[in-house]
Amino acid sequence: MAEEKKAAMFRRSSGLLVHAPPDLGGEAKALNDALGKLSAVTRAISANVRHINESLERILVDKPDIEELERILNFLTEKK
């Protein structure tokens, strides 16, 4: 019965944390908590990277317009 429970727990696992023997007790909980925090940080970093990519895409889309404005401004400054 214990082996079936252990196997079921392993199947639900993400694979990132190997289930520790029961005698580790608090250490296994600490590892599990750390994994949860690490996962949250990873999600936050992924969201930030997506936001940066969206910003870069907007910059690249606007780049021809910005370059045209720079040319106009340079032309106007050279005329003075």
Protein backbone atom coordinates (compact mmCIF):
# COMPACT_ATOMS: atom_id res chain seq x y z
CA MET A 1 0.00 0.00 0.00
CA ALA A 2 2.78 2.42 0.91
CA GLU A 3 4.54 1.66 -2.35
CA GLU A 4 1.36 2.44 -4.33
CA LYS A 5 0.99 5.77 -2.51
CA LYS A 6 4.63 6.58 -3.16
CA ALA A 7 4.26 5.67 -6.84
CA ALA A 8 1.13 7.84 -7.13
CA MET A 9 2.97 10.77 -5.53
CA PHE A 10 5.86 10.30 -7.94
CA ARG A 11 3.52 10.32 -10.95
CA ARG A 12 2.03 13.66 -9.82
CA SER A 13 5.48 15.12 -9.29
CA SER A 14 6.89 17.64 -11.73
CA GLY A 15 10.08 15.62 -11.75
CA LEU A 16 12.06 18.52 -10.31
CA LEU A 17 11.93 17.29 -6.74
CA VAL A 18 12.70 13.67 -6.02
CA HIS A 19 10.60 12.50 -3.11
CA ALA A 20 12.83 12.30 -0.09
CA PRO A 21 12.71 9.45 2.39
CA PRO A 22 10.32 10.08 5.31
CA ASP A 23 13.17 10.39 7.80
CA LEU A 24 14.19 13.70 6.21
CA GLY A 25 10.90 15.23 7.39
CA GLY A 26 11.43 18.98 7.55
CA GLU A 27 14.12 18.95 4.90
CA ALA A 28 11.72 17.54 2.33
CA LYS A 29 9.16 20.23 3.22
CA ALA A 30 11.86 22.90 2.96
CA LEU A 31 12.86 21.60 -0.46
CA ASN A 32 9.23 21.52 -1.56
CA ASP A 33 8.71 25.11 -0.33
CA ALA A 34 11.88 26.23 -2.09
CA LEU A 35 10.69 24.58 -5.29
CA GLY A 36 7.38 26.43 -5.01
CA LYS A 37 9.18 29.74 -4.59
CA LEU A 38 11.52 28.95 -7.46
CA SER A 39 8.54 28.15 -9.68
CA ALA A 40 6.91 31.48 -8.76
CA VAL A 41 10.11 33.36 -9.60
CA THR A 42 10.39 31.49 -12.89
CA ARG A 43 6.82 32.46 -13.80
CA ALA A 44 7.54 36.10 -12.94
CA ILE A 45 10.72 36.12 -15.04
CA SER A 46 8.84 34.55 -17.96
CA ALA A 47 6.15 37.23 -17.71
CA ASN A 48 8.83 39.95 -17.67
CA VAL A 49 10.55 38.45 -20.72
CA ARG A 50 7.21 38.38 -22.57
CA HIS A 51 6.65 42.04 -21.65
CA ILE A 52 10.15 42.97 -22.86
CA ASN A 53 9.57 41.10 -26.13
CA GLU A 54 6.28 42.95 -26.68
CA SER A 55 8.01 46.28 -26.04
CA LEU A 56 10.81 45.40 -28.46
CA GLU A 57 8.28 44.40 -31.12
CA ARG A 58 6.55 47.79 -30.76
CA ILE A 59 9.90 49.56 -31.02
CA LEU A 60 10.79 47.62 -34.17
CA VAL A 61 7.40 48.35 -35.72
CA ASP A 62 7.83 52.08 -35.00
CA LYS A 63 11.49 52.18 -36.05
CA PRO A 64 10.91 53.28 -39.69
CA ASP A 65 8.72 56.18 -38.51
CA ILE A 66 11.32 57.22 -35.94
CA GLU A 67 14.09 57.08 -38.53
CA GLU A 68 12.02 59.25 -40.88
CA LEU A 69 11.46 61.80 -38.11
CA GLU A 70 15.21 61.81 -37.40
CA ARG A 71 15.94 62.46 -41.08
CA ILE A 72 13.45 65.34 -41.13
CA LEU A 73 14.89 66.85 -37.95
CA ASN A 74 18.45 66.48 -39.24
CA PHE A 75 17.45 68.08 -42.53
CA LEU A 76 15.77 71.00 -40.74
CA THR A 77 18.76 71.55 -38.44
CA GLU A 78 21.18 71.51 -41.37
CA LYS A 79 19.12 74.18 -43.17
CA LYS A 80 19.54 76.69 -40.31
